[in-house]
Amino acid sequence: MSKFIRIPILNNEYEVIAYFGKPKGLKKVLERFNYPEVDVHTSVNDKRGVCFSTEGCHPIIAMPNKPTTPDEIGTLAHEATHAVEAIAKSIGEIMTGEILAHSIGAIVREVLKKC
């Protein structure tokens, strides 16, 4: 089963999309959020998780399964870091310390709550 959720970051001004499922569903999610063509099979099948980001689009964290094990939750936190970095770059800010930690925590918390 495929599932995606929207996670607000920085007072709901920006969003991170988290997707769990097969490459076919991921392709639809990427299209829905206006991403350019991506080889989703290579991007997802060969990795535990990946974060897609491009200017003008919400970062998308993609994983084959909903995170439940310590390794999968670690992967989610890793990809959440890339998503927050993409948002920071897009708004011309450097996020460190508490802002970075709270943003990553929000992504991990919302994914675990909503999955």
PDB file of N, CA and C in Angstrom:
ATOM      1  N   MET A   1       0.832  -1.178   0.000  1.00  0.00           N
ATOM      2  CA  MET A   1       0.000   0.000   0.000  1.00  0.00           C
ATOM      3  C   MET A   1       0.879   1.244   0.000  1.00  0.00           C
ATOM      4  N   SER A   2       0.509   2.229  -0.786  1.00  0.00           N
ATOM      5  CA  SER A   2       1.225   3.493  -0.847  1.00  0.00           C
ATOM      6  C   SER A   2       0.518   4.519   0.023  1.00  0.00           C
ATOM      7  N   LYS A   3       1.310   5.415   0.604  1.00  0.00           N
ATOM      8  CA  LYS A   3       0.728   6.475   1.419  1.00  0.00           C
ATOM      9  C   LYS A   3       1.672   7.664   1.388  1.00  0.00           C
ATOM     10  N   PHE A   4       1.077   8.871   1.344  1.00  0.00           N
ATOM     11  CA  PHE A   4       1.909  10.043   1.535  1.00  0.00           C
ATOM     12  C   PHE A   4       1.217  10.980   2.509  1.00  0.00           C
ATOM     13  N   ILE A   5       2.020  11.728   3.254  1.00  0.00           N
ATOM     14  CA  ILE A   5       1.488  12.702   4.191  1.00  0.00           C
ATOM     15  C   ILE A   5       2.204  14.024   3.991  1.00  0.00           C
ATOM     16  N   ARG A   6       1.522  15.108   4.346  1.00  0.00           N
ATOM     17  CA  ARG A   6       2.089  16.451   4.274  1.00  0.00           C
ATOM     18  C   ARG A   6       2.460  16.863   5.688  1.00  0.00           C
ATOM     19  N   ILE A   7       3.665  17.400   5.840  1.00  0.00           N
ATOM     20  CA  ILE A   7       4.152  17.790   7.160  1.00  0.00           C
ATOM     21  C   ILE A   7       4.530  19.275   7.123  1.00  0.00           C
ATOM     22  N   PRO A   8       3.817  20.108   7.881  1.00  0.00           N
ATOM     23  CA  PRO A   8       4.155  21.532   7.904  1.00  0.00           C
ATOM     24  C   PRO A   8       5.438  21.782   8.696  1.00  0.00           C
ATOM     25  N   ILE A   9       6.229  22.712   8.209  1.00  0.00           N
ATOM     26  CA  ILE A   9       7.489  23.098   8.850  1.00  0.00           C
ATOM     27  C   ILE A   9       7.515  24.621   8.968  1.00  0.00           C
ATOM     28  N   LEU A  10       8.134  25.142   9.995  1.00  0.00           N
ATOM     29  CA  LEU A  10       8.289  26.586  10.207  1.00  0.00           C
ATOM     30  C   LEU A  10       6.943  27.310  10.176  1.00  0.00           C
ATOM     31  N   ASN A  11       6.142  27.067  11.187  1.00  0.00           N
ATOM     32  CA  ASN A  11       4.837  27.725  11.320  1.00  0.00           C
ATOM     33  C   ASN A  11       3.922  27.484  10.129  1.00  0.00           C
ATOM     34  N   ASN A  12       3.956  26.288   9.611  1.00  0.00           N
ATOM     35  CA  ASN A  12       3.071  25.865   8.517  1.00  0.00           C
ATOM     36  C   ASN A  12       3.320  26.585   7.195  1.00  0.00           C
ATOM     37  N   GLU A  13       4.420  27.306   7.072  1.00  0.00           N
ATOM     38  CA  GLU A  13       4.695  28.024   5.832  1.00  0.00           C
ATOM     39  C   GLU A  13       5.265  27.124   4.743  1.00  0.00           C
ATOM     40  N   TYR A  14       5.926  26.050   5.140  1.00  0.00           N
ATOM     41  CA  TYR A  14       6.567  25.152   4.187  1.00  0.00           C
ATOM     42  C   TYR A  14       6.126  23.739   4.509  1.00  0.00           C
ATOM     43  N   GLU A  15       6.182  22.875   3.519  1.00  0.00           N
ATOM     44  CA  GLU A  15       5.769  21.496   3.729  1.00  0.00           C
ATOM     45  C   GLU A  15       6.828  20.527   3.256  1.00  0.00           C
ATOM     46  N   VAL A  16       6.869  19.403   3.946  1.00  0.00           N
ATOM     47  CA  VAL A  16       7.649  18.257   3.509  1.00  0.00           C
ATOM     48  C   VAL A  16       6.635  17.159   3.239  1.00  0.00           C
ATOM     49  N   ILE A  17       6.810  16.455   2.143  1.00  0.00           N
ATOM     50  CA  ILE A  17       5.941  15.345   1.792  1.00  0.00           C
ATOM     51  C   ILE A  17       6.697  14.060   2.111  1.00  0.00           C
ATOM     52  N   ALA A  18       6.055  13.153   2.824  1.00  0.00           N
ATOM     53  CA  ALA A  18       6.655  11.848   3.109  1.00  0.00           C
ATOM     54  C   ALA A  18       5.843  10.795   2.369  1.00  0.00           C
ATOM     55  N   TYR A  19       6.522   9.954   1.593  1.00  0.00           N
ATOM     56  CA  TYR A  19       5.865   8.921   0.790  1.00  0.00           C
ATOM     57  C   TYR A  19       6.435   7.557   1.169  1.00  0.00           C
ATOM     58  N   PHE A  20       5.533   6.592   1.327  1.00  0.00           N
ATOM     59  CA  PHE A  20       5.941   5.227   1.623  1.00  0.00           C
ATOM     60  C   PHE A  20       5.228   4.311   0.643  1.00  0.00           C
ATOM     61  N   GLY A  21       5.988   3.543  -0.114  1.00  0.00           N
ATOM     62  CA  GLY A  21       5.373   2.626  -1.059  1.00  0.00           C
ATOM     63  C   GLY A  21       6.273   2.319  -2.237  1.00  0.00           C
ATOM     64  N   LYS A  22       5.641   1.859  -3.291  1.00  0.00           N
ATOM     65  CA  LYS A  22       6.329   1.400  -4.500  1.00  0.00           C
ATOM     66  C   LYS A  22       6.686   2.571  -5.417  1.00  0.00           C
ATOM     67  N   PRO A  23       7.667   2.349  -6.303  1.00  0.00           N
ATOM     68  CA  PRO A  23       8.073   3.397  -7.238  1.00  0.00           C
ATOM     69  C   PRO A  23       6.933   3.929  -8.109  1.00  0.00           C
ATOM     70  N   LYS A  24       5.989   3.074  -8.509  1.00  0.00           N
ATOM     71  CA  LYS A  24       4.890   3.534  -9.367  1.00  0.00           C
ATOM     72  C   LYS A  24       4.074   4.633  -8.669  1.00  0.00           C
ATOM     73  N   GLY A  25       3.780   4.429  -7.383  1.00  0.00           N
ATOM     74  CA  GLY A  25       3.047   5.439  -6.620  1.00  0.00           C
ATOM     75  C   GLY A  25       3.870   6.692  -6.397  1.00  0.00           C
ATOM     76  N   LEU A  26       5.173   6.507  -6.196  1.00  0.00           N
ATOM     77  CA  LEU A  26       6.058   7.650  -6.015  1.00  0.00           C
ATOM     78  C   LEU A  26       6.063   8.528  -7.255  1.00  0.00           C
ATOM     79  N   LYS A  27       6.063   7.913  -8.408  1.00  0.00           N
ATOM     80  CA  LYS A  27       6.051   8.689  -9.652  1.00  0.00           C
ATOM     81  C   LYS A  27       4.828   9.603  -9.696  1.00  0.00           C
ATOM     82  N   LYS A  28       3.684   9.098  -9.267  1.00  0.00           N
ATOM     83  CA  LYS A  28       2.455   9.905  -9.242  1.00  0.00           C
ATOM     84  C   LYS A  28       2.565  11.062  -8.251  1.00  0.00           C
ATOM     85  N   VAL A  29       3.168  10.791  -7.092  1.00  0.00           N
ATOM     86  CA  VAL A  29       3.337  11.843  -6.094  1.00  0.00           C
ATOM     87  C   VAL A  29       4.273  12.931  -6.620  1.00  0.00           C
ATOM     88  N   LEU A  30       5.375  12.530  -7.224  1.00  0.00           N
ATOM     89  CA  LEU A  30       6.313  13.509  -7.797  1.00  0.00           C
ATOM     90  C   LEU A  30       5.629  14.357  -8.863  1.00  0.00           C
ATOM     91  N   GLU A  31       4.829  13.730  -9.701  1.00  0.00           N
ATOM     92  CA  GLU A  31       4.093  14.480 -10.725  1.00  0.00           C
ATOM     93  C   GLU A  31       3.097  15.446 -10.083  1.00  0.00           C
ATOM     94  N   ARG A  32       2.405  14.988  -9.056  1.00  0.00           N
ATOM     95  CA  ARG A  32       1.410  15.819  -8.374  1.00  0.00           C
ATOM     96  C   ARG A  32       2.037  17.095  -7.819  1.00  0.00           C
ATOM     97  N   PHE A  33       3.277  16.998  -7.358  1.00  0.00           N
ATOM     98  CA  PHE A  33       3.953  18.152  -6.780  1.00  0.00           C
ATOM     99  C   PHE A  33       4.939  18.805  -7.753  1.00  0.00           C
ATOM    100  N   ASN A  34       4.707  18.588  -9.057  1.00  0.00           N
ATOM    101  CA  ASN A  34       5.405  19.295 -10.146  1.00  0.00           C
ATOM    102  C   ASN A  34       6.902  19.035 -10.239  1.00  0.00           C
ATOM    103  N   TYR A  35       7.332  17.822  -9.881  1.00  0.00           N
ATOM    104  CA  TYR A  35       8.737  17.481 -10.035  1.00  0.00           C
ATOM    105  C   TYR A  35       9.024  17.101 -11.480  1.00  0.00           C
ATOM    106  N   PRO A  36      10.233  17.411 -11.940  1.00  0.00           N
ATOM    107  CA  PRO A  36      10.618  16.960 -13.278  1.00  0.00           C
ATOM    108  C   PRO A  36      10.740  15.432 -13.305  1.00  0.00           C
ATOM    109  N   GLU A  37      10.798  14.875 -14.480  1.00  0.00           N
ATOM    110  CA  GLU A  37      10.896  13.416 -14.660  1.00  0.00           C
ATOM    111  C   GLU A  37      12.108  12.860 -13.900  1.00  0.00           C
ATOM    112  N   VAL A  38      11.875  11.805 -13.123  1.00  0.00           N
ATOM    113  CA  VAL A  38      12.922  11.166 -12.324  1.00  0.00           C
ATOM    114  C   VAL A  38      12.814   9.660 -12.522  1.00  0.00           C
ATOM    115  N   ASP A  39      13.949   8.967 -12.589  1.00  0.00           N
ATOM    116  CA  ASP A  39      13.935   7.508 -12.649  1.00  0.00           C
ATOM    117  C   ASP A  39      13.692   6.989 -11.244  1.00  0.00           C
ATOM    118  N   VAL A  40      12.416   6.808 -10.886  1.00  0.00           N
ATOM    119  CA  VAL A  40      12.069   6.439  -9.514  1.00  0.00           C
ATOM    120  C   VAL A  40      12.509   5.030  -9.155  1.00  0.00           C
ATOM    121  N   HIS A  41      12.590   4.134 -10.119  1.00  0.00           N
ATOM    122  CA  HIS A  41      12.997   2.765  -9.810  1.00  0.00           C
ATOM    123  C   HIS A  41      14.425   2.730  -9.288  1.00  0.00           C
ATOM    124  N   THR A  42      15.327   3.422  -9.949  1.00  0.00           N
ATOM    125  CA  THR A  42      16.708   3.481  -9.495  1.00  0.00           C
ATOM    126  C   THR A  42      16.811   4.271  -8.201  1.00  0.00           C
ATOM    127  N   SER A  43      16.071   5.363  -8.106  1.00  0.00           N
ATOM    128  CA  SER A  43      16.161   6.237  -6.943  1.00  0.00           C
ATOM    129  C   SER A  43      15.733   5.562  -5.658  1.00  0.00           C
ATOM    130  N   VAL A  44      14.714   4.717  -5.708  1.00  0.00           N
ATOM    131  CA  VAL A  44      14.157   4.145  -4.486  1.00  0.00           C
ATOM    132  C   VAL A  44      14.574   2.698  -4.262  1.00  0.00           C
ATOM    133  N   ASN A  45      14.565   1.888  -5.283  1.00  0.00           N
ATOM    134  CA  ASN A  45      14.830   0.462  -5.104  1.00  0.00           C
ATOM    135  C   ASN A  45      16.227   0.176  -4.572  1.00  0.00           C
ATOM    136  N   ASP A  46      17.177   1.022  -4.885  1.00  0.00           N
ATOM    137  CA  ASP A  46      18.554   0.771  -4.482  1.00  0.00           C
ATOM    138  C   ASP A  46      18.915   1.417  -3.146  1.00  0.00           C
ATOM    139  N   LYS A  47      17.944   2.058  -2.490  1.00  0.00           N
ATOM    140  CA  LYS A  47      18.240   2.794  -1.267  1.00  0.00           C
ATOM    141  C   LYS A  47      17.188   2.517  -0.209  1.00  0.00           C
ATOM    142  N   ARG A  48      17.541   2.774   1.046  1.00  0.00           N
ATOM    143  CA  ARG A  48      16.568   2.642   2.133  1.00  0.00           C
ATOM    144  C   ARG A  48      15.616   3.827   2.156  1.00  0.00           C
ATOM    145  N   GLY A  49      16.071   4.952   1.633  1.00  0.00           N
ATOM    146  CA  GLY A  49      15.267   6.161   1.582  1.00  0.00           C
ATOM    147  C   GLY A  49      15.974   7.192   0.744  1.00  0.00           C
ATOM    148  N   VAL A  50      15.219   8.178   0.301  1.00  0.00           N
ATOM    149  CA  VAL A  50      15.796   9.239  -0.518  1.00  0.00           C
ATOM    150  C   VAL A  50      14.963  10.497  -0.307  1.00  0.00           C
ATOM    151  N   CYS A  51      15.605  11.645  -0.436  1.00  0.00           N
ATOM    152  CA  CYS A  51      14.895  12.919  -0.367  1.00  0.00           C
ATOM    153  C   CYS A  51      15.040  13.610  -1.710  1.00  0.00           C
ATOM    154  N   PHE A  52      13.909  13.880  -2.334  1.00  0.00           N
ATOM    155  CA  PHE A  52      13.896  14.624  -3.587  1.00  0.00           C
ATOM    156  C   PHE A  52      13.690  16.095  -3.259  1.00  0.00           C
ATOM    157  N   SER A  53      14.465  16.936  -3.902  1.00  0.00           N
ATOM    158  CA  SER A  53      14.238  18.374  -3.749  1.00  0.00           C
ATOM    159  C   SER A  53      14.697  19.086  -5.003  1.00  0.00           C
ATOM    160  N   THR A  54      13.924  20.072  -5.360  1.00  0.00           N
ATOM    161  CA  THR A  54      14.270  20.925  -6.479  1.00  0.00           C
ATOM    162  C   THR A  54      13.614  22.275  -6.237  1.00  0.00           C
ATOM    163  N   GLU A  55      14.179  23.316  -6.779  1.00  0.00           N
ATOM    164  CA  GLU A  55      13.685  24.661  -6.524  1.00  0.00           C
ATOM    165  C   GLU A  55      12.204  24.794  -6.884  1.00  0.00           C
ATOM    166  N   GLY A  56      11.454  25.394  -5.987  1.00  0.00           N
ATOM    167  CA  GLY A  56      10.042  25.634  -6.220  1.00  0.00           C
ATOM    168  C   GLY A  56       9.123  24.477  -5.869  1.00  0.00           C
ATOM    169  N   CYS A  57       9.670  23.382  -5.355  1.00  0.00           N
ATOM    170  CA  CYS A  57       8.863  22.210  -5.002  1.00  0.00           C
ATOM    171  C   CYS A  57       9.084  21.850  -3.538  1.00  0.00           C
ATOM    172  N   HIS A  58       8.064  21.272  -2.915  1.00  0.00           N
ATOM    173  CA  HIS A  58       8.218  20.767  -1.554  1.00  0.00           C
ATOM    174  C   HIS A  58       9.197  19.596  -1.568  1.00  0.00           C
ATOM    175  N   PRO A  59      10.088  19.502  -0.579  1.00  0.00           N
ATOM    176  CA  PRO A  59      10.928  18.309  -0.493  1.00  0.00           C
ATOM    177  C   PRO A  59      10.053  17.067  -0.284  1.00  0.00           C
ATOM    178  N   ILE A  60      10.432  15.971  -0.916  1.00  0.00           N
ATOM    179  CA  ILE A  60       9.701  14.715  -0.784  1.00  0.00           C
ATOM    180  C   ILE A  60      10.645  13.640  -0.271  1.00  0.00           C
ATOM    181  N   ILE A  61      10.309  13.092   0.897  1.00  0.00           N
ATOM    182  CA  ILE A  61      11.041  11.965   1.459  1.00  0.00           C
ATOM    183  C   ILE A  61      10.339  10.706   0.990  1.00  0.00           C
ATOM    184  N   ALA A  62      11.083   9.782   0.383  1.00  0.00           N
ATOM    185  CA  ALA A  62      10.493   8.538  -0.110  1.00  0.00           C
ATOM    186  C   ALA A  62      11.206   7.350   0.520  1.00  0.00           C
ATOM    187  N   MET A  63      10.394   6.428   1.013  1.00  0.00           N
ATOM    188  CA  MET A  63      10.921   5.194   1.591  1.00  0.00           C
ATOM    189  C   MET A  63      10.024   4.049   1.136  1.00  0.00           C
ATOM    190  N   PRO A  64      10.571   2.849   0.987  1.00  0.00           N
ATOM    191  CA  PRO A  64       9.752   1.740   0.515  1.00  0.00           C
ATOM    192  C   PRO A  64       8.679   1.309   1.516  1.00  0.00           C
ATOM    193  N   ASN A  65       8.938   1.514   2.819  1.00  0.00           N
ATOM    194  CA  ASN A  65       7.991   1.095   3.861  1.00  0.00           C
ATOM    195  C   ASN A  65       7.828   2.192   4.898  1.00  0.00           C
ATOM    196  N   LYS A  66       6.705   2.142   5.593  1.00  0.00           N
ATOM    197  CA  LYS A  66       6.516   3.031   6.733  1.00  0.00           C
ATOM    198  C   LYS A  66       7.568   2.669   7.774  1.00  0.00           C
ATOM    199  N   PRO A  67       8.247   3.654   8.336  1.00  0.00           N
ATOM    200  CA  PRO A  67       9.321   3.346   9.278  1.00  0.00           C
ATOM    201  C   PRO A  67       8.790   2.802  10.603  1.00  0.00           C
ATOM    202  N   THR A  68       9.279   1.622  10.980  1.00  0.00           N
ATOM    203  CA  THR A  68       8.885   1.022  12.251  1.00  0.00           C
ATOM    204  C   THR A  68      10.094   0.516  13.042  1.00  0.00           C
ATOM    205  N   THR A  69      11.141   0.125  12.355  1.00  0.00           N
ATOM    206  CA  THR A  69      12.325  -0.397  13.046  1.00  0.00           C
ATOM    207  C   THR A  69      13.284   0.750  13.375  1.00  0.00           C
ATOM    208  N   PRO A  70      14.186   0.534  14.313  1.00  0.00           N
ATOM    209  CA  PRO A  70      15.174   1.579  14.602  1.00  0.00           C
ATOM    210  C   PRO A  70      15.965   2.012  13.358  1.00  0.00           C
ATOM    211  N   ASP A  71      16.328   1.070  12.494  1.00  0.00           N
ATOM    212  CA  ASP A  71      17.067   1.425  11.276  1.00  0.00           C
ATOM    213  C   ASP A  71      16.222   2.298  10.352  1.00  0.00           C
ATOM    214  N   GLU A  72      14.944   1.950  10.197  1.00  0.00           N
ATOM    215  CA  GLU A  72      14.066   2.738   9.319  1.00  0.00           C
ATOM    216  C   GLU A  72      13.809   4.128   9.894  1.00  0.00           C
ATOM    217  N   ILE A  73      13.654   4.220  11.203  1.00  0.00           N
ATOM    218  CA  ILE A  73      13.453   5.534  11.827  1.00  0.00           C
ATOM    219  C   ILE A  73      14.724   6.367  11.698  1.00  0.00           C
ATOM    220  N   GLY A  74      15.869   5.730  11.801  1.00  0.00           N
ATOM    221  CA  GLY A  74      17.134   6.427  11.565  1.00  0.00           C
ATOM    222  C   GLY A  74      17.233   6.950  10.143  1.00  0.00           C
ATOM    223  N   THR A  75      16.790   6.138   9.186  1.00  0.00           N
ATOM    224  CA  THR A  75      16.787   6.581   7.788  1.00  0.00           C
ATOM    225  C   THR A  75      15.843   7.764   7.607  1.00  0.00           C
ATOM    226  N   LEU A  76      14.678   7.704   8.231  1.00  0.00           N
ATOM    227  CA  LEU A  76      13.733   8.819   8.157  1.00  0.00           C
ATOM    228  C   LEU A  76      14.374  10.103   8.693  1.00  0.00           C
ATOM    229  N   ALA A  77      15.043  10.024   9.842  1.00  0.00           N
ATOM    230  CA  ALA A  77      15.707  11.204  10.411  1.00  0.00           C
ATOM    231  C   ALA A  77      16.790  11.728   9.475  1.00  0.00           C
ATOM    232  N   HIS A  78      17.533  10.814   8.855  1.00  0.00           N
ATOM    233  CA  HIS A  78      18.575  11.197   7.894  1.00  0.00           C
ATOM    234  C   HIS A  78      17.962  11.968   6.721  1.00  0.00           C
ATOM    235  N   GLU A  79      16.896  11.411   6.138  1.00  0.00           N
ATOM    236  CA  GLU A  79      16.256  12.061   4.988  1.00  0.00           C
ATOM    237  C   GLU A  79      15.555  13.354   5.398  1.00  0.00           C
ATOM    238  N   ALA A  80      15.037  13.399   6.639  1.00  0.00           N
ATOM    239  CA  ALA A  80      14.420  14.629   7.139  1.00  0.00           C
ATOM    240  C   ALA A  80      15.432  15.766   7.191  1.00  0.00           C
ATOM    241  N   THR A  81      16.675  15.430   7.527  1.00  0.00           N
ATOM    242  CA  THR A  81      17.734  16.442   7.544  1.00  0.00           C
ATOM    243  C   THR A  81      17.925  17.040   6.157  1.00  0.00           C
ATOM    244  N   HIS A  82      17.943  16.190   5.132  1.00  0.00           N
ATOM    245  CA  HIS A  82      18.075  16.697   3.762  1.00  0.00           C
ATOM    246  C   HIS A  82      16.875  17.578   3.387  1.00  0.00           C
ATOM    247  N   ALA A  83      15.668  17.192   3.813  1.00  0.00           N
ATOM    248  CA  ALA A  83      14.476  17.975   3.500  1.00  0.00           C
ATOM    249  C   ALA A  83      14.545  19.358   4.138  1.00  0.00           C
ATOM    250  N   VAL A  84      14.959  19.420   5.388  1.00  0.00           N
ATOM    251  CA  VAL A  84      15.063  20.708   6.078  1.00  0.00           C
ATOM    252  C   VAL A  84      16.155  21.563   5.442  1.00  0.00           C
ATOM    253  N   GLU A  85      17.261  20.947   5.051  1.00  0.00           N
ATOM    254  CA  GLU A  85      18.316  21.688   4.354  1.00  0.00           C
ATOM    255  C   GLU A  85      17.797  22.285   3.047  1.00  0.00           C
ATOM    256  N   ALA A  86      16.952  21.526   2.332  1.00  0.00           N
ATOM    257  CA  ALA A  86      16.392  22.024   1.066  1.00  0.00           C
ATOM    258  C   ALA A  86      15.495  23.233   1.313  1.00  0.00           C
ATOM    259  N   ILE A  87      14.696  23.188   2.374  1.00  0.00           N
ATOM    260  CA  ILE A  87      13.843  24.331   2.705  1.00  0.00           C
ATOM    261  C   ILE A  87      14.708  25.536   3.064  1.00  0.00           C
ATOM    262  N   ALA A  88      15.728  25.326   3.886  1.00  0.00           N
ATOM    263  CA  ALA A  88      16.620  26.414   4.283  1.00  0.00           C
ATOM    264  C   ALA A  88      17.266  27.062   3.067  1.00  0.00           C
ATOM    265  N   LYS A  89      17.731  26.241   2.150  1.00  0.00           N
ATOM    266  CA  LYS A  89      18.352  26.768   0.927  1.00  0.00           C
ATOM    267  C   LYS A  89      17.345  27.588   0.125  1.00  0.00           C
ATOM    268  N   SER A  90      16.107  27.095   0.027  1.00  0.00           N
ATOM    269  CA  SER A  90      15.113  27.786  -0.794  1.00  0.00           C
ATOM    270  C   SER A  90      14.718  29.141  -0.217  1.00  0.00           C
ATOM    271  N   ILE A  91      14.835  29.310   1.106  1.00  0.00           N
ATOM    272  CA  ILE A  91      14.462  30.599   1.703  1.00  0.00           C
ATOM    273  C   ILE A  91      15.687  31.439   2.070  1.00  0.00           C
ATOM    274  N   GLY A  92      16.862  30.940   1.719  1.00  0.00           N
ATOM    275  CA  GLY A  92      18.089  31.704   1.949  1.00  0.00           C
ATOM    276  C   GLY A  92      18.485  31.821   3.409  1.00  0.00           C
ATOM    277  N   GLU A  93      18.173  30.801   4.192  1.00  0.00           N
ATOM    278  CA  GLU A  93      18.514  30.802   5.611  1.00  0.00           C
ATOM    279  C   GLU A  93      19.463  29.658   5.921  1.00  0.00           C
ATOM    280  N   ILE A  94      20.195  29.807   6.982  1.00  0.00           N
ATOM    281  CA  ILE A  94      21.020  28.725   7.499  1.00  0.00           C
ATOM    282  C   ILE A  94      20.333  28.234   8.763  1.00  0.00           C
ATOM    283  N   MET A  95      19.903  26.988   8.742  1.00  0.00           N
ATOM    284  CA  MET A  95      19.228  26.423   9.912  1.00  0.00           C
ATOM    285  C   MET A  95      20.212  25.543  10.664  1.00  0.00           C
ATOM    286  N   THR A  96      20.452  25.907  11.902  1.00  0.00           N
ATOM    287  CA  THR A  96      21.321  25.108  12.767  1.00  0.00           C
ATOM    288  C   THR A  96      20.688  25.037  14.149  1.00  0.00           C
ATOM    289  N   GLY A  97      21.299  24.302  15.013  1.00  0.00           N
ATOM    290  CA  GLY A  97      20.889  24.258  16.403  1.00  0.00           C
ATOM    291  C   GLY A  97      19.434  23.891  16.597  1.00  0.00           C
ATOM    292  N   GLU A  98      18.745  24.665  17.421  1.00  0.00           N
ATOM    293  CA  GLU A  98      17.377  24.361  17.815  1.00  0.00           C
ATOM    294  C   GLU A  98      16.398  24.374  16.634  1.00  0.00           C
ATOM    295  N   ILE A  99      16.547  25.297  15.718  1.00  0.00           N
ATOM    296  CA  ILE A  99      15.621  25.351  14.573  1.00  0.00           C
ATOM    297  C   ILE A  99      15.763  24.090  13.727  1.00  0.00           C
ATOM    298  N   LEU A 100      16.986  23.685  13.458  1.00  0.00           N
ATOM    299  CA  LEU A 100      17.228  22.461  12.697  1.00  0.00           C
ATOM    300  C   LEU A 100      16.686  21.249  13.450  1.00  0.00           C
ATOM    301  N   ALA A 101      17.023  21.144  14.726  1.00  0.00           N
ATOM    302  CA  ALA A 101      16.601  19.989  15.519  1.00  0.00           C
ATOM    303  C   ALA A 101      15.083  19.907  15.631  1.00  0.00           C
ATOM    304  N   HIS A 102      14.414  21.028  15.886  1.00  0.00           N
ATOM    305  CA  HIS A 102      12.950  21.016  15.989  1.00  0.00           C
ATOM    306  C   HIS A 102      12.290  20.673  14.652  1.00  0.00           C
ATOM    307  N   SER A 103      12.854  21.137  13.559  1.00  0.00           N
ATOM    308  CA  SER A 103      12.286  20.838  12.241  1.00  0.00           C
ATOM    309  C   SER A 103      12.413  19.352  11.908  1.00  0.00           C
ATOM    310  N   ILE A 104      13.573  18.778  12.167  1.00  0.00           N
ATOM    311  CA  ILE A 104      13.769  17.342  11.940  1.00  0.00           C
ATOM    312  C   ILE A 104      12.853  16.553  12.872  1.00  0.00           C
ATOM    313  N   GLY A 105      12.784  16.969  14.128  1.00  0.00           N
ATOM    314  CA  GLY A 105      11.900  16.310  15.088  1.00  0.00           C
ATOM    315  C   GLY A 105      10.451  16.350  14.654  1.00  0.00           C
ATOM    316  N   ALA A 106      10.012  17.471  14.084  1.00  0.00           N
ATOM    317  CA  ALA A 106       8.624  17.591  13.621  1.00  0.00           C
ATOM    318  C   ALA A 106       8.330  16.589  12.509  1.00  0.00           C
ATOM    319  N   ILE A 107       9.258  16.424  11.597  1.00  0.00           N
ATOM    320  CA  ILE A 107       9.056  15.473  10.501  1.00  0.00           C
ATOM    321  C   ILE A 107       8.966  14.056  11.051  1.00  0.00           C
ATOM    322  N   VAL A 108       9.914  13.664  11.868  1.00  0.00           N
ATOM    323  CA  VAL A 108       9.923  12.301  12.417  1.00  0.00           C
ATOM    324  C   VAL A 108       8.666  12.070  13.254  1.00  0.00           C
ATOM    325  N   ARG A 109       8.321  13.016  14.107  1.00  0.00           N
ATOM    326  CA  ARG A 109       7.150  12.883  14.969  1.00  0.00           C
ATOM    327  C   ARG A 109       5.859  12.734  14.154  1.00  0.00           C
ATOM    328  N   GLU A 110       5.658  13.581  13.152  1.00  0.00           N
ATOM    329  CA  GLU A 110       4.444  13.527  12.351  1.00  0.00           C
ATOM    330  C   GLU A 110       4.336  12.234  11.542  1.00  0.00           C
ATOM    331  N   VAL A 111       5.451  11.790  10.997  1.00  0.00           N
ATOM    332  CA  VAL A 111       5.432  10.523  10.247  1.00  0.00           C
ATOM    333  C   VAL A 111       5.050   9.375  11.176  1.00  0.00           C
ATOM    334  N   LEU A 112       5.667   9.305  12.346  1.00  0.00           N
ATOM    335  CA  LEU A 112       5.379   8.203  13.255  1.00  0.00           C
ATOM    336  C   LEU A 112       3.949   8.278  13.798  1.00  0.00           C
ATOM    337  N   LYS A 113       3.421   9.482  13.973  1.00  0.00           N
ATOM    338  CA  LYS A 113       2.045   9.649  14.442  1.00  0.00           C
ATOM    339  C   LYS A 113       1.029   9.247  13.377  1.00  0.00           C
ATOM    340  N   LYS A 114       1.292   9.608  12.128  1.00  0.00           N
ATOM    341  CA  LYS A 114       0.301   9.450  11.070  1.00  0.00           C
ATOM    342  C   LYS A 114       0.410   8.144  10.296  1.00  0.00           C
ATOM    343  N   CYS A 115       1.421   7.357  10.586  1.00  0.00           N
ATOM    344  CA  CYS A 115       1.585   6.096   9.859  1.00  0.00           C
ATOM    345  C   CYS A 115       0.957   4.937  10.585  1.00  0.00           C
TER     346      CYS A 115
END
